[in-house]
Amino acid sequence: MAGLEKDVIDVNVMGDAAGPLDHLLAEFAAGLRVRITGHRGGRMLRARLLAMGLNLGREVDIIQNNRGLIIVGVNGGRVALGRGISQKIVAELVVPLLTDQSSG
């Protein structure tokens, strides 16, 4: 029973490590804009993400998110990501700024 309690504690610690507003890219629905804040991988994953233009701080649009494929809009283009990579990318929701429509 002690082993199960340890596993639960480890899972909770991993979930909190990303921060309260950060989620995995795979968790966002289509139509949202997110900012990449990190990744859960090594050098090779970082190099692959940089080659696709998915560096830290980059804002991307979630175009499609279904069970196996996620398509994101980056720099006017589209990048298709598999579920495995999208579950290693940490991102936060970008809240659009409210503009005052009555002044102009």
PDB file of N, CA and C in Angstrom:
ATOM      1  N   MET A   1       0.817  -1.183   0.000  1.00  0.00           N
ATOM      2  CA  MET A   1       0.000   0.000   0.000  1.00  0.00           C
ATOM      3  C   MET A   1       0.864   1.250   0.000  1.00  0.00           C
ATOM      4  N   ALA A   2       2.033   1.174   0.618  1.00  0.00           N
ATOM      5  CA  ALA A   2       2.909   2.334   0.675  1.00  0.00           C
ATOM      6  C   ALA A   2       3.386   2.721  -0.722  1.00  0.00           C
ATOM      7  N   GLY A   3       3.574   1.753  -1.619  1.00  0.00           N
ATOM      8  CA  GLY A   3       4.009   2.040  -2.984  1.00  0.00           C
ATOM      9  C   GLY A   3       2.971   2.841  -3.751  1.00  0.00           C
ATOM     10  N   LEU A   4       1.696   2.537  -3.526  1.00  0.00           N
ATOM     11  CA  LEU A   4       0.632   3.275  -4.210  1.00  0.00           C
ATOM     12  C   LEU A   4       0.592   4.722  -3.752  1.00  0.00           C
ATOM     13  N   GLU A   5       0.763   4.953  -2.455  1.00  0.00           N
ATOM     14  CA  GLU A   5       0.761   6.320  -1.953  1.00  0.00           C
ATOM     15  C   GLU A   5       1.912   7.116  -2.551  1.00  0.00           C
ATOM     16  N   LYS A   6       3.073   6.483  -2.714  1.00  0.00           N
ATOM     17  CA  LYS A   6       4.227   7.160  -3.299  1.00  0.00           C
ATOM     18  C   LYS A   6       3.933   7.547  -4.740  1.00  0.00           C
ATOM     19  N   ASP A   7       3.297   6.651  -5.523  1.00  0.00           N
ATOM     20  CA  ASP A   7       2.967   6.951  -6.910  1.00  0.00           C
ATOM     21  C   ASP A   7       2.015   8.130  -7.012  1.00  0.00           C
ATOM     22  N   VAL A   8       1.032   8.195  -6.134  1.00  0.00           N
ATOM     23  CA  VAL A   8       0.076   9.292  -6.158  1.00  0.00           C
ATOM     24  C   VAL A   8       0.774  10.609  -5.850  1.00  0.00           C
ATOM     25  N   ILE A   9       1.664  10.602  -4.887  1.00  0.00           N
ATOM     26  CA  ILE A   9       2.399  11.821  -4.538  1.00  0.00           C
ATOM     27  C   ILE A   9       3.275  12.249  -5.711  1.00  0.00           C
ATOM     28  N   ASP A  10       3.959  11.311  -6.366  1.00  0.00           N
ATOM     29  CA  ASP A  10       4.808  11.653  -7.499  1.00  0.00           C
ATOM     30  C   ASP A  10       3.999  12.260  -8.637  1.00  0.00           C
ATOM     31  N   VAL A  11       2.821  11.722  -8.926  1.00  0.00           N
ATOM     32  CA  VAL A  11       1.975  12.242  -9.994  1.00  0.00           C
ATOM     33  C   VAL A  11       1.545  13.665  -9.664  1.00  0.00           C
ATOM     34  N   ASN A  12       1.162  13.923  -8.430  1.00  0.00           N
ATOM     35  CA  ASN A  12       0.742  15.265  -8.050  1.00  0.00           C
ATOM     36  C   ASN A  12       1.882  16.259  -8.150  1.00  0.00           C
ATOM     37  N   VAL A  13       3.073  15.845  -7.794  1.00  0.00           N
ATOM     38  CA  VAL A  13       4.222  16.739  -7.884  1.00  0.00           C
ATOM     39  C   VAL A  13       4.516  17.062  -9.348  1.00  0.00           C
ATOM     40  N   MET A  14       4.448  16.061 -10.227  1.00  0.00           N
ATOM     41  CA  MET A  14       4.686  16.304 -11.650  1.00  0.00           C
ATOM     42  C   MET A  14       3.630  17.239 -12.219  1.00  0.00           C
ATOM     43  N   GLY A  15       2.379  17.103 -11.793  1.00  0.00           N
ATOM     44  CA  GLY A  15       1.321  17.964 -12.292  1.00  0.00           C
ATOM     45  C   GLY A  15       1.505  19.402 -11.874  1.00  0.00           C
ATOM     46  N   ASP A  16       2.052  19.644 -10.686  1.00  0.00           N
ATOM     47  CA  ASP A  16       2.252  20.995 -10.198  1.00  0.00           C
ATOM     48  C   ASP A  16       3.522  21.631 -10.753  1.00  0.00           C
ATOM     49  N   ALA A  17       4.418  20.829 -11.308  1.00  0.00           N
ATOM     50  CA  ALA A  17       5.699  21.351 -11.773  1.00  0.00           C
ATOM     51  C   ALA A  17       5.534  22.318 -12.939  1.00  0.00           C
ATOM     52  N   ALA A  18       4.480  22.164 -13.738  1.00  0.00           N
ATOM     53  CA  ALA A  18       4.289  23.030 -14.898  1.00  0.00           C
ATOM     54  C   ALA A  18       3.767  24.399 -14.504  1.00  0.00           C
ATOM     55  N   GLY A  19       3.170  24.531 -13.346  1.00  0.00           N
ATOM     56  CA  GLY A  19       2.612  25.810 -12.924  1.00  0.00           C
ATOM     57  C   GLY A  19       1.098  25.791 -13.026  1.00  0.00           C
ATOM     58  N   PRO A  20       0.436  26.727 -12.369  1.00  0.00           N
ATOM     59  CA  PRO A  20      -1.018  26.700 -12.307  1.00  0.00           C
ATOM     60  C   PRO A  20      -1.704  27.029 -13.625  1.00  0.00           C
ATOM     61  N   LEU A  21      -1.081  27.825 -14.482  1.00  0.00           N
ATOM     62  CA  LEU A  21      -1.710  28.219 -15.733  1.00  0.00           C
ATOM     63  C   LEU A  21      -1.204  27.431 -16.928  1.00  0.00           C
ATOM     64  N   ASP A  22      -0.182  26.622 -16.734  1.00  0.00           N
ATOM     65  CA  ASP A  22       0.413  25.859 -17.822  1.00  0.00           C
ATOM     66  C   ASP A  22      -0.257  24.505 -17.969  1.00  0.00           C
ATOM     67  N   HIS A  23      -0.446  24.113 -19.214  1.00  0.00           N
ATOM     68  CA  HIS A  23      -1.017  22.811 -19.542  1.00  0.00           C
ATOM     69  C   HIS A  23      -0.231  22.246 -20.711  1.00  0.00           C
ATOM     70  N   LEU A  24      -0.461  20.981 -21.000  1.00  0.00           N
ATOM     71  CA  LEU A  24       0.172  20.375 -22.159  1.00  0.00           C
ATOM     72  C   LEU A  24      -0.561  20.827 -23.415  1.00  0.00           C
ATOM     73  N   LEU A  25       0.159  20.960 -24.507  1.00  0.00           N
ATOM     74  CA  LEU A  25      -0.421  21.420 -25.762  1.00  0.00           C
ATOM     75  C   LEU A  25      -1.570  20.513 -26.202  1.00  0.00           C
ATOM     76  N   ALA A  26      -1.482  19.237 -25.892  1.00  0.00           N
ATOM     77  CA  ALA A  26      -2.515  18.277 -26.283  1.00  0.00           C
ATOM     78  C   ALA A  26      -3.855  18.547 -25.595  1.00  0.00           C
ATOM     79  N   GLU A  27      -3.870  19.328 -24.530  1.00  0.00           N
ATOM     80  CA  GLU A  27      -5.089  19.569 -23.763  1.00  0.00           C
ATOM     81  C   GLU A  27      -5.921  20.743 -24.287  1.00  0.00           C
ATOM     82  N   PHE A  28      -5.375  21.548 -25.192  1.00  0.00           N
ATOM     83  CA  PHE A  28      -6.085  22.730 -25.665  1.00  0.00           C
ATOM     84  C   PHE A  28      -6.984  22.380 -26.841  1.00  0.00           C
ATOM     85  N   ALA A  29      -8.145  23.023 -26.892  1.00  0.00           N
ATOM     86  CA  ALA A  29      -9.109  22.796 -27.959  1.00  0.00           C
ATOM     87  C   ALA A  29      -8.764  23.645 -29.176  1.00  0.00           C
ATOM     88  N   ALA A  30      -9.287  23.246 -30.322  1.00  0.00           N
ATOM     89  CA  ALA A  30      -9.088  24.007 -31.558  1.00  0.00           C
ATOM     90  C   ALA A  30      -9.700  25.398 -31.406  1.00  0.00           C
ATOM     91  N   GLY A  31      -9.059  26.375 -32.039  1.00  0.00           N
ATOM     92  CA  GLY A  31      -9.548  27.741 -32.000  1.00  0.00           C
ATOM     93  C   GLY A  31      -8.905  28.609 -30.937  1.00  0.00           C
ATOM     94  N   LEU A  32      -8.067  28.035 -30.089  1.00  0.00           N
ATOM     95  CA  LEU A  32      -7.418  28.809 -29.038  1.00  0.00           C
ATOM     96  C   LEU A  32      -6.025  29.240 -29.463  1.00  0.00           C
ATOM     97  N   ARG A  33      -5.547  30.306 -28.842  1.00  0.00           N
ATOM     98  CA  ARG A  33      -4.173  30.781 -29.054  1.00  0.00           C
ATOM     99  C   ARG A  33      -3.412  30.537 -27.753  1.00  0.00           C
ATOM    100  N   VAL A  34      -2.239  29.906 -27.879  1.00  0.00           N
ATOM    101  CA  VAL A  34      -1.441  29.571 -26.700  1.00  0.00           C
ATOM    102  C   VAL A  34      -0.009  30.034 -26.891  1.00  0.00           C
ATOM    103  N   ARG A  35       0.704  30.177 -25.778  1.00  0.00           N
ATOM    104  CA  ARG A  35       2.119  30.545 -25.770  1.00  0.00           C
ATOM    105  C   ARG A  35       2.911  29.361 -25.229  1.00  0.00           C
ATOM    106  N   ILE A  36       3.940  28.966 -25.927  1.00  0.00           N
ATOM    107  CA  ILE A  36       4.782  27.845 -25.491  1.00  0.00           C
ATOM    108  C   ILE A  36       5.677  28.333 -24.356  1.00  0.00           C
ATOM    109  N   THR A  37       5.596  27.632 -23.220  1.00  0.00           N
ATOM    110  CA  THR A  37       6.353  28.051 -22.044  1.00  0.00           C
ATOM    111  C   THR A  37       7.439  27.049 -21.642  1.00  0.00           C
ATOM    112  N   GLY A  38       7.454  25.883 -22.259  1.00  0.00           N
ATOM    113  CA  GLY A  38       8.471  24.902 -21.914  1.00  0.00           C
ATOM    114  C   GLY A  38       8.219  23.582 -22.606  1.00  0.00           C
ATOM    115  N   HIS A  39       9.009  22.600 -22.239  1.00  0.00           N
ATOM    116  CA  HIS A  39       8.829  21.254 -22.772  1.00  0.00           C
ATOM    117  C   HIS A  39       9.347  20.254 -21.766  1.00  0.00           C
ATOM    118  N   ARG A  40       8.872  19.046 -21.907  1.00  0.00           N
ATOM    119  CA  ARG A  40       9.297  17.949 -21.044  1.00  0.00           C
ATOM    120  C   ARG A  40      10.047  16.944 -21.885  1.00  0.00           C
ATOM    121  N   GLY A  41      11.274  17.277 -22.205  1.00  0.00           N
ATOM    122  CA  GLY A  41      12.097  16.425 -23.043  1.00  0.00           C
ATOM    123  C   GLY A  41      13.534  16.897 -22.993  1.00  0.00           C
ATOM    124  N   GLY A  42      14.348  16.255 -23.777  1.00  0.00           N
ATOM    125  CA  GLY A  42      15.772  16.566 -23.764  1.00  0.00           C
ATOM    126  C   GLY A  42      16.212  17.433 -24.928  1.00  0.00           C
ATOM    127  N   ARG A  43      17.509  17.337 -25.234  1.00  0.00           N
ATOM    128  CA  ARG A  43      18.103  18.155 -26.291  1.00  0.00           C
ATOM    129  C   ARG A  43      17.498  17.889 -27.651  1.00  0.00           C
ATOM    130  N   MET A  44      17.231  16.635 -27.954  1.00  0.00           N
ATOM    131  CA  MET A  44      16.716  16.292 -29.272  1.00  0.00           C
ATOM    132  C   MET A  44      15.309  16.847 -29.482  1.00  0.00           C
ATOM    133  N   LEU A  45      14.491  16.802 -28.453  1.00  0.00           N
ATOM    134  CA  LEU A  45      13.157  17.384 -28.571  1.00  0.00           C
ATOM    135  C   LEU A  45      13.261  18.888 -28.761  1.00  0.00           C
ATOM    136  N   ARG A  46      14.119  19.540 -27.989  1.00  0.00           N
ATOM    137  CA  ARG A  46      14.291  20.987 -28.126  1.00  0.00           C
ATOM    138  C   ARG A  46      14.763  21.342 -29.530  1.00  0.00           C
ATOM    139  N   ALA A  47      15.694  20.591 -30.083  1.00  0.00           N
ATOM    140  CA  ALA A  47      16.191  20.850 -31.435  1.00  0.00           C
ATOM    141  C   ALA A  47      15.084  20.653 -32.471  1.00  0.00           C
ATOM    142  N   ARG A  48      14.274  19.631 -32.307  1.00  0.00           N
ATOM    143  CA  ARG A  48      13.175  19.383 -33.241  1.00  0.00           C
ATOM    144  C   ARG A  48      12.151  20.507 -33.183  1.00  0.00           C
ATOM    145  N   LEU A  49      11.826  20.955 -31.979  1.00  0.00           N
ATOM    146  CA  LEU A  49      10.853  22.048 -31.832  1.00  0.00           C
ATOM    147  C   LEU A  49      11.388  23.346 -32.439  1.00  0.00           C
ATOM    148  N   LEU A  50      12.661  23.644 -32.228  1.00  0.00           N
ATOM    149  CA  LEU A  50      13.263  24.840 -32.813  1.00  0.00           C
ATOM    150  C   LEU A  50      13.239  24.785 -34.331  1.00  0.00           C
ATOM    151  N   ALA A  51      13.489  23.616 -34.901  1.00  0.00           N
ATOM    152  CA  ALA A  51      13.467  23.457 -36.355  1.00  0.00           C
ATOM    153  C   ALA A  51      12.069  23.713 -36.925  1.00  0.00           C
ATOM    154  N   MET A  52      11.036  23.446 -36.146  1.00  0.00           N
ATOM    155  CA  MET A  52       9.661  23.681 -36.587  1.00  0.00           C
ATOM    156  C   MET A  52       9.177  25.084 -36.250  1.00  0.00           C
ATOM    157  N   GLY A  53      10.012  25.876 -35.581  1.00  0.00           N
ATOM    158  CA  GLY A  53       9.614  27.224 -35.209  1.00  0.00           C
ATOM    159  C   GLY A  53       8.837  27.297 -33.912  1.00  0.00           C
ATOM    160  N   LEU A  54       8.889  26.250 -33.120  1.00  0.00           N
ATOM    161  CA  LEU A  54       8.135  26.180 -31.865  1.00  0.00           C
ATOM    162  C   LEU A  54       9.056  26.446 -30.676  1.00  0.00           C
ATOM    163  N   ASN A  55       9.700  27.599 -30.669  1.00  0.00           N
ATOM    164  CA  ASN A  55      10.613  27.938 -29.579  1.00  0.00           C
ATOM    165  C   ASN A  55       9.846  28.542 -28.402  1.00  0.00           C
ATOM    166  N   LEU A  56      10.525  28.672 -27.267  1.00  0.00           N
ATOM    167  CA  LEU A  56       9.902  29.201 -26.060  1.00  0.00           C
ATOM    168  C   LEU A  56       9.415  30.625 -26.285  1.00  0.00           C
ATOM    169  N   GLY A  57       8.225  30.924 -25.801  1.00  0.00           N
ATOM    170  CA  GLY A  57       7.640  32.241 -25.944  1.00  0.00           C
ATOM    171  C   GLY A  57       6.831  32.427 -27.210  1.00  0.00           C
ATOM    172  N   ARG A  58       6.897  31.499 -28.134  1.00  0.00           N
ATOM    173  CA  ARG A  58       6.171  31.601 -29.408  1.00  0.00           C
ATOM    174  C   ARG A  58       4.676  31.391 -29.175  1.00  0.00           C
ATOM    175  N   GLU A  59       3.881  32.253 -29.770  1.00  0.00           N
ATOM    176  CA  GLU A  59       2.429  32.086 -29.711  1.00  0.00           C
ATOM    177  C   GLU A  59       1.975  31.336 -30.949  1.00  0.00           C
ATOM    178  N   VAL A  60       1.148  30.325 -30.746  1.00  0.00           N
ATOM    179  CA  VAL A  60       0.637  29.511 -31.848  1.00  0.00           C
ATOM    180  C   VAL A  60      -0.874  29.392 -31.727  1.00  0.00           C
ATOM    181  N   ASP A  61      -1.524  29.181 -32.861  1.00  0.00           N
ATOM    182  CA  ASP A  61      -2.970  28.953 -32.897  1.00  0.00           C
ATOM    183  C   ASP A  61      -3.218  27.463 -33.040  1.00  0.00           C
ATOM    184  N   ILE A  62      -4.116  26.933 -32.220  1.00  0.00           N
ATOM    185  CA  ILE A  62      -4.500  25.535 -32.346  1.00  0.00           C
ATOM    186  C   ILE A  62      -5.550  25.466 -33.453  1.00  0.00           C
ATOM    187  N   ILE A  63      -5.195  24.901 -34.584  1.00  0.00           N
ATOM    188  CA  ILE A  63      -6.105  24.824 -35.716  1.00  0.00           C
ATOM    189  C   ILE A  63      -6.970  23.573 -35.624  1.00  0.00           C
ATOM    190  N   GLN A  64      -6.354  22.465 -35.269  1.00  0.00           N
ATOM    191  CA  GLN A  64      -7.084  21.198 -35.171  1.00  0.00           C
ATOM    192  C   GLN A  64      -6.497  20.390 -34.023  1.00  0.00           C
ATOM    193  N   ASN A  65      -7.356  19.761 -33.258  1.00  0.00           N
ATOM    194  CA  ASN A  65      -6.911  18.868 -32.190  1.00  0.00           C
ATOM    195  C   ASN A  65      -7.891  17.711 -32.116  1.00  0.00           C
ATOM    196  N   ASN A  66      -7.506  16.597 -32.695  1.00  0.00           N
ATOM    197  CA  ASN A  66      -8.317  15.390 -32.560  1.00  0.00           C
ATOM    198  C   ASN A  66      -7.480  14.319 -31.869  1.00  0.00           C
ATOM    199  N   ARG A  67      -7.916  13.125 -31.876  1.00  0.00           N
ATOM    200  CA  ARG A  67      -7.273  12.090 -31.062  1.00  0.00           C
ATOM    201  C   ARG A  67      -5.796  11.861 -31.363  1.00  0.00           C
ATOM    202  N   GLY A  68      -5.374  11.972 -32.604  1.00  0.00           N
ATOM    203  CA  GLY A  68      -4.003  11.621 -32.905  1.00  0.00           C
ATOM    204  C   GLY A  68      -3.162  12.729 -33.496  1.00  0.00           C
ATOM    205  N   LEU A  69      -3.786  13.768 -34.003  1.00  0.00           N
ATOM    206  CA  LEU A  69      -3.057  14.785 -34.731  1.00  0.00           C
ATOM    207  C   LEU A  69      -3.437  16.168 -34.231  1.00  0.00           C
ATOM    208  N   ILE A  70      -2.425  17.002 -34.031  1.00  0.00           N
ATOM    209  CA  ILE A  70      -2.667  18.385 -33.652  1.00  0.00           C
ATOM    210  C   ILE A  70      -1.995  19.256 -34.705  1.00  0.00           C
ATOM    211  N   ILE A  71      -2.742  20.190 -35.267  1.00  0.00           N
ATOM    212  CA  ILE A  71      -2.205  21.124 -36.249  1.00  0.00           C
ATOM    213  C   ILE A  71      -2.196  22.502 -35.616  1.00  0.00           C
ATOM    214  N   VAL A  72      -1.026  23.138 -35.617  1.00  0.00           N
ATOM    215  CA  VAL A  72      -0.889  24.476 -35.050  1.00  0.00           C
ATOM    216  C   VAL A  72      -0.437  25.442 -36.131  1.00  0.00           C
ATOM    217  N   GLY A  73      -0.892  26.669 -36.021  1.00  0.00           N
ATOM    218  CA  GLY A  73      -0.472  27.722 -36.936  1.00  0.00           C
ATOM    219  C   GLY A  73       0.716  28.456 -36.355  1.00  0.00           C
ATOM    220  N   VAL A  74       1.813  28.513 -37.139  1.00  0.00           N
ATOM    221  CA  VAL A  74       3.044  29.169 -36.703  1.00  0.00           C
ATOM    222  C   VAL A  74       3.548  30.037 -37.848  1.00  0.00           C
ATOM    223  N   ASN A  75       3.726  31.332 -37.601  1.00  0.00           N
ATOM    224  CA  ASN A  75       4.282  32.250 -38.601  1.00  0.00           C
ATOM    225  C   ASN A  75       3.555  32.180 -39.941  1.00  0.00           C
ATOM    226  N   GLY A  76       2.261  32.083 -39.931  1.00  0.00           N
ATOM    227  CA  GLY A  76       1.498  32.042 -41.167  1.00  0.00           C
ATOM    228  C   GLY A  76       1.459  30.678 -41.828  1.00  0.00           C
ATOM    229  N   GLY A  77       2.161  29.701 -41.295  1.00  0.00           N
ATOM    230  CA  GLY A  77       2.158  28.343 -41.830  1.00  0.00           C
ATOM    231  C   GLY A  77       1.496  27.392 -40.848  1.00  0.00           C
ATOM    232  N   ARG A  78       1.514  26.139 -41.184  1.00  0.00           N
ATOM    233  CA  ARG A  78       0.927  25.111 -40.323  1.00  0.00           C
ATOM    234  C   ARG A  78       1.945  24.025 -40.045  1.00  0.00           C
ATOM    235  N   VAL A  79       1.899  23.523 -38.817  1.00  0.00           N
ATOM    236  CA  VAL A  79       2.781  22.431 -38.406  1.00  0.00           C
ATOM    237  C   VAL A  79       1.908  21.340 -37.808  1.00  0.00           C
ATOM    238  N   ALA A  80       2.083  20.110 -38.288  1.00  0.00           N
ATOM    239  CA  ALA A  80       1.349  18.968 -37.757  1.00  0.00           C
ATOM    240  C   ALA A  80       2.211  18.270 -36.719  1.00  0.00           C
ATOM    241  N   LEU A  81       1.622  18.012 -35.553  1.00  0.00           N
ATOM    242  CA  LEU A  81       2.328  17.353 -34.458  1.00  0.00           C
ATOM    243  C   LEU A  81       1.600  16.072 -34.086  1.00  0.00           C
ATOM    244  N   GLY A  82       2.352  15.045 -33.794  1.00  0.00           N
ATOM    245  CA  GLY A  82       1.764  13.825 -33.279  1.00  0.00           C
ATOM    246  C   GLY A  82       1.393  13.985 -31.818  1.00  0.00           C
ATOM    247  N   ARG A  83       0.619  13.059 -31.319  1.00  0.00           N
ATOM    248  CA  ARG A  83       0.161  13.123 -29.930  1.00  0.00           C
ATOM    249  C   ARG A  83       1.330  13.073 -28.963  1.00  0.00           C
ATOM    250  N   GLY A  84       2.354  12.288 -29.263  1.00  0.00           N
ATOM    251  CA  GLY A  84       3.497  12.156 -28.353  1.00  0.00           C
ATOM    252  C   GLY A  84       4.228  13.467 -28.122  1.00  0.00           C
ATOM    253  N   ILE A  85       4.518  14.179 -29.195  1.00  0.00           N
ATOM    254  CA  ILE A  85       5.223  15.458 -29.045  1.00  0.00           C
ATOM    255  C   ILE A  85       4.318  16.486 -28.391  1.00  0.00           C
ATOM    256  N   SER A  86       3.046  16.511 -28.759  1.00  0.00           N
ATOM    257  CA  SER A  86       2.144  17.518 -28.192  1.00  0.00           C
ATOM    258  C   SER A  86       1.934  17.312 -26.697  1.00  0.00           C
ATOM    259  N   GLN A  87       2.165  16.112 -26.207  1.00  0.00           N
ATOM    260  CA  GLN A  87       2.049  15.857 -24.776  1.00  0.00           C
ATOM    261  C   GLN A  87       3.337  16.205 -24.032  1.00  0.00           C
ATOM    262  N   LYS A  88       4.365  16.627 -24.750  1.00  0.00           N
ATOM    263  CA  LYS A  88       5.612  17.048 -24.111  1.00  0.00           C
ATOM    264  C   LYS A  88       5.803  18.556 -24.145  1.00  0.00           C
ATOM    265  N   ILE A  89       4.940  19.262 -24.862  1.00  0.00           N
ATOM    266  CA  ILE A  89       5.050  20.718 -24.971  1.00  0.00           C
ATOM    267  C   ILE A  89       4.146  21.353 -23.929  1.00  0.00           C
ATOM    268  N   VAL A  90       4.704  22.236 -23.107  1.00  0.00           N
ATOM    269  CA  VAL A  90       3.953  22.936 -22.072  1.00  0.00           C
ATOM    270  C   VAL A  90       3.593  24.312 -22.601  1.00  0.00           C
ATOM    271  N   ALA A  91       2.329  24.715 -22.433  1.00  0.00           N
ATOM    272  CA  ALA A  91       1.869  25.997 -22.961  1.00  0.00           C
ATOM    273  C   ALA A  91       0.865  26.621 -22.018  1.00  0.00           C
ATOM    274  N   GLU A  92       0.627  27.918 -22.223  1.00  0.00           N
ATOM    275  CA  GLU A  92      -0.388  28.628 -21.452  1.00  0.00           C
ATOM    276  C   GLU A  92      -1.326  29.337 -22.426  1.00  0.00           C
ATOM    277  N   LEU A  93      -2.549  29.504 -22.008  1.00  0.00           N
ATOM    278  CA  LEU A  93      -3.547  30.169 -22.824  1.00  0.00           C
ATOM    279  C   LEU A  93      -3.222  31.647 -22.937  1.00  0.00           C
ATOM    280  N   VAL A  94      -3.321  32.189 -24.150  1.00  0.00           N
ATOM    281  CA  VAL A  94      -3.116  33.621 -24.370  1.00  0.00           C
ATOM    282  C   VAL A  94      -4.492  34.278 -24.367  1.00  0.00           C
ATOM    283  N   VAL A  95      -4.676  35.188 -23.444  1.00  0.00           N
ATOM    284  CA  VAL A  95      -5.952  35.887 -23.336  1.00  0.00           C
ATOM    285  C   VAL A  95      -5.881  37.116 -24.236  1.00  0.00           C
ATOM    286  N   PRO A  96      -6.806  37.250 -25.194  1.00  0.00           N
ATOM    287  CA  PRO A  96      -6.747  38.415 -26.081  1.00  0.00           C
ATOM    288  C   PRO A  96      -7.031  39.703 -25.320  1.00  0.00           C
ATOM    289  N   LEU A  97      -6.360  40.758 -25.723  1.00  0.00           N
ATOM    290  CA  LEU A  97      -6.567  42.053 -25.105  1.00  0.00           C
ATOM    291  C   LEU A  97      -7.904  42.617 -25.565  1.00  0.00           C
ATOM    292  N   LEU A  98      -8.615  43.228 -24.641  1.00  0.00           N
ATOM    293  CA  LEU A  98      -9.882  43.858 -24.986  1.00  0.00           C
ATOM    294  C   LEU A  98      -9.579  45.241 -25.573  1.00  0.00           C
ATOM    295  N   THR A  99     -10.131  45.510 -26.735  1.00  0.00           N
ATOM    296  CA  THR A  99      -9.922  46.813 -27.344  1.00  0.00           C
ATOM    297  C   THR A  99     -11.191  47.627 -27.194  1.00  0.00           C
ATOM    298  N   ASP A 100     -11.019  48.917 -27.069  1.00  0.00           N
ATOM    299  CA  ASP A 100     -12.154  49.812 -26.917  1.00  0.00           C
ATOM    300  C   ASP A 100     -12.689  50.174 -28.290  1.00  0.00           C
ATOM    301  N   GLN A 101     -13.830  49.603 -28.660  1.00  0.00           N
ATOM    302  CA  GLN A 101     -14.415  49.825 -29.974  1.00  0.00           C
ATOM    303  C   GLN A 101     -15.149  51.163 -30.067  1.00  0.00           C
ATOM    304  N   SER A 102     -15.500  51.782 -28.942  1.00  0.00           N
ATOM    305  CA  SER A 102     -16.287  52.993 -28.982  1.00  0.00           C
ATOM    306  C   SER A 102     -15.457  54.242 -29.284  1.00  0.00           C
ATOM    307  N   SER A 103     -14.124  54.159 -29.148  1.00  0.00           N
ATOM    308  CA  SER A 103     -13.305  55.351 -29.357  1.00  0.00           C
ATOM    309  C   SER A 103     -12.956  55.580 -30.818  1.00  0.00           C
ATOM    310  N   GLY A 104     -13.094  54.605 -31.676  1.00  0.00           N
ATOM    311  CA  GLY A 104     -12.634  54.788 -33.031  1.00  0.00           C
ATOM    312  C   GLY A 104     -13.657  54.526 -33.998  1.00  0.00           C
TER     313      GLY A 104
END
